[in-house]
Amino acid sequence: MTSSEQPETVAAQAIEIVGDATPEQVAALVAVLSAASGGAGDEVTTRHTSPWSAPSGLVRRPVIPAPRSAGVWARSLRP
């Protein structure tokens, strides 16, 4: 890795709590702020689904008549 390829580091911001806060209140504040941060460190992964497992395959498609479709099934059985 060269110096230009080094990953960026994010510095945590310091928060000063003014007043008489209990440890429970500080813990609640930390939980709210960490949830509000949006999880910037988490990577989004997409799940690949196979077309074979698509639920649309369970639905019957409409039968669309082709031109000159009268007797096509009967003629398909003849040599």
PDB file of N, CA and C in Angstrom:
ATOM      1  N   MET A   1       0.829  -1.172   0.000  1.00  0.00           N
ATOM      2  CA  MET A   1       0.000   0.000   0.000  1.00  0.00           C
ATOM      3  C   MET A   1       0.878   1.242   0.000  1.00  0.00           C
ATOM      4  N   THR A   2       0.614   2.152  -0.885  1.00  0.00           N
ATOM      5  CA  THR A   2       1.358   3.402  -0.873  1.00  0.00           C
ATOM      6  C   THR A   2       0.659   4.397   0.032  1.00  0.00           C
ATOM      7  N   SER A   3       1.284   5.542   0.205  1.00  0.00           N
ATOM      8  CA  SER A   3       0.704   6.539   1.114  1.00  0.00           C
ATOM      9  C   SER A   3      -0.605   7.104   0.580  1.00  0.00           C
ATOM     10  N   SER A   4      -0.809   7.094  -0.737  1.00  0.00           N
ATOM     11  CA  SER A   4      -2.056   7.630  -1.291  1.00  0.00           C
ATOM     12  C   SER A   4      -3.204   6.626  -1.206  1.00  0.00           C
ATOM     13  N   GLU A   5      -2.910   5.345  -0.958  1.00  0.00           N
ATOM     14  CA  GLU A   5      -3.936   4.313  -0.908  1.00  0.00           C
ATOM     15  C   GLU A   5      -4.379   3.960   0.508  1.00  0.00           C
ATOM     16  N   GLN A   6      -3.921   4.691   1.509  1.00  0.00           N
ATOM     17  CA  GLN A   6      -4.288   4.362   2.880  1.00  0.00           C
ATOM     18  C   GLN A   6      -5.746   4.717   3.130  1.00  0.00           C
ATOM     19  N   PRO A   7      -6.471   3.868   3.854  1.00  0.00           N
ATOM     20  CA  PRO A   7      -7.883   4.147   4.118  1.00  0.00           C
ATOM     21  C   PRO A   7      -8.042   5.342   5.051  1.00  0.00           C
ATOM     22  N   GLU A   8      -9.161   6.027   4.878  1.00  0.00           N
ATOM     23  CA  GLU A   8      -9.437   7.184   5.720  1.00  0.00           C
ATOM     24  C   GLU A   8      -9.865   6.723   7.107  1.00  0.00           C
ATOM     25  N   THR A   9      -9.443   7.457   8.105  1.00  0.00           N
ATOM     26  CA  THR A   9      -9.879   7.170   9.464  1.00  0.00           C
ATOM     27  C   THR A   9     -10.811   8.279   9.909  1.00  0.00           C
ATOM     28  N   VAL A  10     -11.863   7.900  10.591  1.00  0.00           N
ATOM     29  CA  VAL A  10     -12.849   8.861  11.059  1.00  0.00           C
ATOM     30  C   VAL A  10     -12.623   9.076  12.541  1.00  0.00           C
ATOM     31  N   ALA A  11     -12.406  10.323  12.917  1.00  0.00           N
ATOM     32  CA  ALA A  11     -12.187  10.647  14.323  1.00  0.00           C
ATOM     33  C   ALA A  11     -13.530  10.801  15.018  1.00  0.00           C
ATOM     34  N   ALA A  12     -13.629  10.237  16.210  1.00  0.00           N
ATOM     35  CA  ALA A  12     -14.861  10.359  16.988  1.00  0.00           C
ATOM     36  C   ALA A  12     -14.934  11.752  17.594  1.00  0.00           C
ATOM     37  N   GLN A  13     -16.128  12.309  17.609  1.00  0.00           N
ATOM     38  CA  GLN A  13     -16.308  13.634  18.187  1.00  0.00           C
ATOM     39  C   GLN A  13     -16.509  13.497  19.685  1.00  0.00           C
ATOM     40  N   ALA A  14     -15.911  14.419  20.425  1.00  0.00           N
ATOM     41  CA  ALA A  14     -16.047  14.411  21.880  1.00  0.00           C
ATOM     42  C   ALA A  14     -17.299  15.191  22.270  1.00  0.00           C
ATOM     43  N   ILE A  15     -18.085  14.624  23.166  1.00  0.00           N
ATOM     44  CA  ILE A  15     -19.295  15.276  23.654  1.00  0.00           C
ATOM     45  C   ILE A  15     -19.118  15.502  25.147  1.00  0.00           C
ATOM     46  N   GLU A  16     -19.328  16.729  25.560  1.00  0.00           N
ATOM     47  CA  GLU A  16     -19.212  17.059  26.973  1.00  0.00           C
ATOM     48  C   GLU A  16     -20.617  17.156  27.555  1.00  0.00           C
ATOM     49  N   ILE A  17     -20.880  16.360  28.576  1.00  0.00           N
ATOM     50  CA  ILE A  17     -22.180  16.371  29.239  1.00  0.00           C
ATOM     51  C   ILE A  17     -22.093  17.334  30.412  1.00  0.00           C
ATOM     52  N   VAL A  18     -22.903  18.387  30.346  1.00  0.00           N
ATOM     53  CA  VAL A  18     -22.889  19.422  31.377  1.00  0.00           C
ATOM     54  C   VAL A  18     -24.046  19.160  32.329  1.00  0.00           C
ATOM     55  N   GLY A  19     -23.784  19.183  33.603  1.00  0.00           N
ATOM     56  CA  GLY A  19     -24.831  18.974  34.590  1.00  0.00           C
ATOM     57  C   GLY A  19     -24.600  17.698  35.363  1.00  0.00           C
ATOM     58  N   ASP A  20     -25.559  17.350  36.171  1.00  0.00           N
ATOM     59  CA  ASP A  20     -25.469  16.168  37.020  1.00  0.00           C
ATOM     60  C   ASP A  20     -26.231  15.028  36.342  1.00  0.00           C
ATOM     61  N   ALA A  21     -25.523  14.231  35.534  1.00  0.00           N
ATOM     62  CA  ALA A  21     -26.153  13.126  34.820  1.00  0.00           C
ATOM     63  C   ALA A  21     -25.798  11.812  35.493  1.00  0.00           C
ATOM     64  N   THR A  22     -26.789  10.950  35.614  1.00  0.00           N
ATOM     65  CA  THR A  22     -26.557   9.627  36.193  1.00  0.00           C
ATOM     66  C   THR A  22     -25.937   8.725  35.134  1.00  0.00           C
ATOM     67  N   PRO A  23     -25.311   7.635  35.538  1.00  0.00           N
ATOM     68  CA  PRO A  23     -24.755   6.706  34.543  1.00  0.00           C
ATOM     69  C   PRO A  23     -25.824   6.147  33.595  1.00  0.00           C
ATOM     70  N   GLU A  24     -27.057   5.979  34.082  1.00  0.00           N
ATOM     71  CA  GLU A  24     -28.136   5.491  33.224  1.00  0.00           C
ATOM     72  C   GLU A  24     -28.479   6.516  32.150  1.00  0.00           C
ATOM     73  N   GLN A  25     -28.470   7.800  32.513  1.00  0.00           N
ATOM     74  CA  GLN A  25     -28.767   8.847  31.543  1.00  0.00           C
ATOM     75  C   GLN A  25     -27.662   8.956  30.495  1.00  0.00           C
ATOM     76  N   VAL A  26     -26.430   8.797  30.931  1.00  0.00           N
ATOM     77  CA  VAL A  26     -25.310   8.829  29.987  1.00  0.00           C
ATOM     78  C   VAL A  26     -25.392   7.635  29.039  1.00  0.00           C
ATOM     79  N   ALA A  27     -25.737   6.474  29.567  1.00  0.00           N
ATOM     80  CA  ALA A  27     -25.874   5.285  28.724  1.00  0.00           C
ATOM     81  C   ALA A  27     -27.004   5.459  27.716  1.00  0.00           C
ATOM     82  N   ALA A  28     -28.111   6.064  28.149  1.00  0.00           N
ATOM     83  CA  ALA A  28     -29.225   6.315  27.234  1.00  0.00           C
ATOM     84  C   ALA A  28     -28.819   7.299  26.145  1.00  0.00           C
ATOM     85  N   LEU A  29     -28.064   8.322  26.509  1.00  0.00           N
ATOM     86  CA  LEU A  29     -27.593   9.304  25.532  1.00  0.00           C
ATOM     87  C   LEU A  29     -26.658   8.659  24.514  1.00  0.00           C
ATOM     88  N   VAL A  30     -25.761   7.821  24.983  1.00  0.00           N
ATOM     89  CA  VAL A  30     -24.837   7.131  24.080  1.00  0.00           C
ATOM     90  C   VAL A  30     -25.603   6.204  23.140  1.00  0.00           C
ATOM     91  N   ALA A  31     -26.619   5.507  23.657  1.00  0.00           N
ATOM     92  CA  ALA A  31     -27.404   4.604  22.817  1.00  0.00           C
ATOM     93  C   ALA A  31     -28.159   5.368  21.736  1.00  0.00           C
ATOM     94  N   VAL A  32     -28.738   6.507  22.100  1.00  0.00           N
ATOM     95  CA  VAL A  32     -29.494   7.303  21.127  1.00  0.00           C
ATOM     96  C   VAL A  32     -28.571   7.870  20.058  1.00  0.00           C
ATOM     97  N   LEU A  33     -27.429   8.393  20.465  1.00  0.00           N
ATOM     98  CA  LEU A  33     -26.510   8.981  19.493  1.00  0.00           C
ATOM     99  C   LEU A  33     -25.883   7.927  18.581  1.00  0.00           C
ATOM    100  N   SER A  34     -25.592   6.760  19.117  1.00  0.00           N
ATOM    101  CA  SER A  34     -25.021   5.713  18.263  1.00  0.00           C
ATOM    102  C   SER A  34     -26.060   5.167  17.289  1.00  0.00           C
ATOM    103  N   ALA A  35     -27.330   5.128  17.699  1.00  0.00           N
ATOM    104  CA  ALA A  35     -28.380   4.687  16.781  1.00  0.00           C
ATOM    105  C   ALA A  35     -28.652   5.742  15.715  1.00  0.00           C
ATOM    106  N   ALA A  36     -28.514   7.012  16.076  1.00  0.00           N
ATOM    107  CA  ALA A  36     -28.763   8.094  15.125  1.00  0.00           C
ATOM    108  C   ALA A  36     -27.632   8.248  14.120  1.00  0.00           C
ATOM    109  N   SER A  37     -26.475   7.686  14.416  1.00  0.00           N
ATOM    110  CA  SER A  37     -25.342   7.841  13.504  1.00  0.00           C
ATOM    111  C   SER A  37     -25.558   7.083  12.206  1.00  0.00           C
ATOM    112  N   GLY A  38     -26.427   6.100  12.199  1.00  0.00           N
ATOM    113  CA  GLY A  38     -26.733   5.382  10.971  1.00  0.00           C
ATOM    114  C   GLY A  38     -25.807   4.240  10.660  1.00  0.00           C
ATOM    115  N   GLY A  39     -24.880   3.940  11.507  1.00  0.00           N
ATOM    116  CA  GLY A  39     -23.986   2.803  11.277  1.00  0.00           C
ATOM    117  C   GLY A  39     -23.121   2.995  10.052  1.00  0.00           C
ATOM    118  N   ALA A  40     -22.336   4.054  10.012  1.00  0.00           N
ATOM    119  CA  ALA A  40     -21.505   4.364   8.852  1.00  0.00           C
ATOM    120  C   ALA A  40     -20.477   3.273   8.584  1.00  0.00           C
ATOM    121  N   GLY A  41     -20.101   2.502   9.588  1.00  0.00           N
ATOM    122  CA  GLY A  41     -19.113   1.458   9.405  1.00  0.00           C
ATOM    123  C   GLY A  41     -19.676   0.188   8.789  1.00  0.00           C
ATOM    124  N   ASP A  42     -20.979   0.047   8.760  1.00  0.00           N
ATOM    125  CA  ASP A  42     -21.595  -1.155   8.212  1.00  0.00           C
ATOM    126  C   ASP A  42     -21.630  -1.070   6.690  1.00  0.00           C
ATOM    127  N   GLU A  43     -21.255  -2.159   6.052  1.00  0.00           N
ATOM    128  CA  GLU A  43     -21.314  -2.207   4.601  1.00  0.00           C
ATOM    129  C   GLU A  43     -22.640  -2.815   4.176  1.00  0.00           C
ATOM    130  N   VAL A  44     -23.201  -2.273   3.124  1.00  0.00           N
ATOM    131  CA  VAL A  44     -24.470  -2.764   2.610  1.00  0.00           C
ATOM    132  C   VAL A  44     -24.181  -3.919   1.665  1.00  0.00           C
ATOM    133  N   THR A  45     -24.804  -5.049   1.907  1.00  0.00           N
ATOM    134  CA  THR A  45     -24.635  -6.193   1.030  1.00  0.00           C
ATOM    135  C   THR A  45     -25.968  -6.505   0.376  1.00  0.00           C
ATOM    136  N   THR A  46     -25.916  -6.828  -0.885  1.00  0.00           N
ATOM    137  CA  THR A  46     -27.129  -7.212  -1.594  1.00  0.00           C
ATOM    138  C   THR A  46     -27.140  -8.723  -1.743  1.00  0.00           C
ATOM    139  N   ARG A  47     -28.295  -9.292  -1.611  1.00  0.00           N
ATOM    140  CA  ARG A  47     -28.434 -10.736  -1.713  1.00  0.00           C
ATOM    141  C   ARG A  47     -28.893 -11.093  -3.115  1.00  0.00           C
ATOM    142  N   HIS A  48     -28.166 -11.976  -3.760  1.00  0.00           N
ATOM    143  CA  HIS A  48     -28.513 -12.405  -5.107  1.00  0.00           C
ATOM    144  C   HIS A  48     -29.552 -13.516  -5.025  1.00  0.00           C
ATOM    145  N   THR A  49     -30.669 -13.302  -5.672  1.00  0.00           N
ATOM    146  CA  THR A  49     -31.693 -14.339  -5.722  1.00  0.00           C
ATOM    147  C   THR A  49     -31.727 -14.923  -7.125  1.00  0.00           C
ATOM    148  N   SER A  50     -31.850 -16.200  -7.187  1.00  0.00           N
ATOM    149  CA  SER A  50     -31.884 -16.900  -8.457  1.00  0.00           C
ATOM    150  C   SER A  50     -33.248 -16.729  -9.119  1.00  0.00           C
ATOM    151  N   PRO A  51     -33.288 -16.606 -10.441  1.00  0.00           N
ATOM    152  CA  PRO A  51     -34.588 -16.538 -11.120  1.00  0.00           C
ATOM    153  C   PRO A  51     -35.411 -17.811 -10.928  1.00  0.00           C
ATOM    154  N   TRP A  52     -34.746 -18.916 -10.615  1.00  0.00           N
ATOM    155  CA  TRP A  52     -35.471 -20.165 -10.413  1.00  0.00           C
ATOM    156  C   TRP A  52     -36.306 -20.122  -9.134  1.00  0.00           C
ATOM    157  N   SER A  53     -35.912 -19.311  -8.167  1.00  0.00           N
ATOM    158  CA  SER A  53     -36.659 -19.244  -6.915  1.00  0.00           C
ATOM    159  C   SER A  53     -37.597 -18.042  -6.862  1.00  0.00           C
ATOM    160  N   ALA A  54     -37.818 -17.390  -7.986  1.00  0.00           N
ATOM    161  CA  ALA A  54     -38.690 -16.217  -8.020  1.00  0.00           C
ATOM    162  C   ALA A  54     -40.143 -16.642  -7.798  1.00  0.00           C
ATOM    163  N   PRO A  55     -40.888 -15.909  -6.967  1.00  0.00           N
ATOM    164  CA  PRO A  55     -42.283 -16.274  -6.727  1.00  0.00           C
ATOM    165  C   PRO A  55     -43.168 -16.088  -7.952  1.00  0.00           C
ATOM    166  N   SER A  56     -42.715 -15.344  -8.952  1.00  0.00           N
ATOM    167  CA  SER A  56     -43.537 -15.171 -10.147  1.00  0.00           C
ATOM    168  C   SER A  56     -43.657 -16.468 -10.944  1.00  0.00           C
ATOM    169  N   GLY A  57     -42.763 -17.423 -10.693  1.00  0.00           N
ATOM    170  CA  GLY A  57     -42.855 -18.706 -11.375  1.00  0.00           C
ATOM    171  C   GLY A  57     -44.012 -19.557 -10.888  1.00  0.00           C
ATOM    172  N   LEU A  58     -44.569 -19.225  -9.727  1.00  0.00           N
ATOM    173  CA  LEU A  58     -45.698 -19.981  -9.194  1.00  0.00           C
ATOM    174  C   LEU A  58     -47.038 -19.501  -9.747  1.00  0.00           C
ATOM    175  N   VAL A  59     -47.026 -18.365 -10.412  1.00  0.00           N
ATOM    176  CA  VAL A  59     -48.257 -17.788 -10.938  1.00  0.00           C
ATOM    177  C   VAL A  59     -48.428 -18.224 -12.382  1.00  0.00           C
ATOM    178  N   ARG A  60     -49.628 -18.644 -12.727  1.00  0.00           N
ATOM    179  CA  ARG A  60     -49.898 -19.087 -14.083  1.00  0.00           C
ATOM    180  C   ARG A  60     -49.979 -17.887 -15.012  1.00  0.00           C
ATOM    181  N   ARG A  61     -49.338 -17.999 -16.146  1.00  0.00           N
ATOM    182  CA  ARG A  61     -49.357 -16.926 -17.130  1.00  0.00           C
ATOM    183  C   ARG A  61     -50.589 -17.073 -18.020  1.00  0.00           C
ATOM    184  N   PRO A  62     -51.100 -15.966 -18.541  1.00  0.00           N
ATOM    185  CA  PRO A  62     -52.281 -16.064 -19.398  1.00  0.00           C
ATOM    186  C   PRO A  62     -51.952 -16.745 -20.723  1.00  0.00           C
ATOM    187  N   VAL A  63     -52.918 -17.451 -21.259  1.00  0.00           N
ATOM    188  CA  VAL A  63     -52.763 -18.106 -22.546  1.00  0.00           C
ATOM    189  C   VAL A  63     -53.121 -17.089 -23.618  1.00  0.00           C
ATOM    190  N   ILE A  64     -52.169 -16.814 -24.475  1.00  0.00           N
ATOM    191  CA  ILE A  64     -52.389 -15.850 -25.547  1.00  0.00           C
ATOM    192  C   ILE A  64     -52.503 -16.632 -26.848  1.00  0.00           C
ATOM    193  N   PRO A  65     -53.660 -16.551 -27.507  1.00  0.00           N
ATOM    194  CA  PRO A  65     -53.819 -17.312 -28.751  1.00  0.00           C
ATOM    195  C   PRO A  65     -52.941 -16.745 -29.864  1.00  0.00           C
ATOM    196  N   ALA A  66     -52.307 -17.634 -30.582  1.00  0.00           N
ATOM    197  CA  ALA A  66     -51.465 -17.234 -31.700  1.00  0.00           C
ATOM    198  C   ALA A  66     -52.324 -17.159 -32.960  1.00  0.00           C
ATOM    199  N   PRO A  67     -51.857 -16.494 -33.981  1.00  0.00           N
ATOM    200  CA  PRO A  67     -52.616 -16.481 -35.238  1.00  0.00           C
ATOM    201  C   PRO A  67     -52.750 -17.894 -35.795  1.00  0.00           C
ATOM    202  N   ARG A  68     -53.888 -18.185 -36.353  1.00  0.00           N
ATOM    203  CA  ARG A  68     -54.217 -19.512 -36.899  1.00  0.00           C
ATOM    204  C   ARG A  68     -54.017 -20.592 -35.847  1.00  0.00           C
ATOM    205  N   SER A  69     -54.528 -20.343 -34.638  1.00  0.00           N
ATOM    206  CA  SER A  69     -54.312 -21.292 -33.551  1.00  0.00           C
ATOM    207  C   SER A  69     -55.330 -22.425 -33.537  1.00  0.00           C
ATOM    208  N   ALA A  70     -56.330 -22.376 -34.400  1.00  0.00           N
ATOM    209  CA  ALA A  70     -57.336 -23.440 -34.407  1.00  0.00           C
ATOM    210  C   ALA A  70     -56.703 -24.731 -34.916  1.00  0.00           C
ATOM    211  N   GLY A  71     -56.712 -25.752 -34.089  1.00  0.00           N
ATOM    212  CA  GLY A  71     -56.200 -27.051 -34.482  1.00  0.00           C
ATOM    213  C   GLY A  71     -54.691 -27.197 -34.381  1.00  0.00           C
ATOM    214  N   VAL A  72     -54.005 -26.265 -33.759  1.00  0.00           N
ATOM    215  CA  VAL A  72     -52.547 -26.344 -33.655  1.00  0.00           C
ATOM    216  C   VAL A  72     -52.135 -27.537 -32.812  1.00  0.00           C
ATOM    217  N   TRP A  73     -52.841 -27.781 -31.695  1.00  0.00           N
ATOM    218  CA  TRP A  73     -52.492 -28.911 -30.834  1.00  0.00           C
ATOM    219  C   TRP A  73     -52.718 -30.238 -31.560  1.00  0.00           C
ATOM    220  N   ALA A  74     -53.778 -30.328 -32.299  1.00  0.00           N
ATOM    221  CA  ALA A  74     -54.040 -31.574 -33.029  1.00  0.00           C
ATOM    222  C   ALA A  74     -52.994 -31.795 -34.113  1.00  0.00           C
ATOM    223  N   ARG A  75     -52.589 -30.757 -34.802  1.00  0.00           N
ATOM    224  CA  ARG A  75     -51.587 -30.900 -35.855  1.00  0.00           C
ATOM    225  C   ARG A  75     -50.200 -31.165 -35.290  1.00  0.00           C
ATOM    226  N   SER A  76     -49.937 -30.758 -34.038  1.00  0.00           N
ATOM    227  CA  SER A  76     -48.606 -30.971 -33.476  1.00  0.00           C
ATOM    228  C   SER A  76     -48.349 -32.440 -33.168  1.00  0.00           C
ATOM    229  N   LEU A  77     -49.407 -33.241 -33.050  1.00  0.00           N
ATOM    230  CA  LEU A  77     -49.242 -34.666 -32.757  1.00  0.00           C
ATOM    231  C   LEU A  77     -49.081 -35.500 -34.014  1.00  0.00           C
ATOM    232  N   ARG A  78     -49.371 -34.937 -35.154  1.00  0.00           N
ATOM    233  CA  ARG A  78     -49.277 -35.685 -36.410  1.00  0.00           C
ATOM    234  C   ARG A  78     -47.873 -35.556 -36.988  1.00  0.00           C
ATOM    235  N   PRO A  79     -47.379 -36.619 -37.634  1.00  0.00           N
ATOM    236  CA  PRO A  79     -46.036 -36.562 -38.240  1.00  0.00           C
ATOM    237  C   PRO A  79     -45.988 -35.717 -39.493  1.00  0.00           C
TER     238      PRO A  79
END
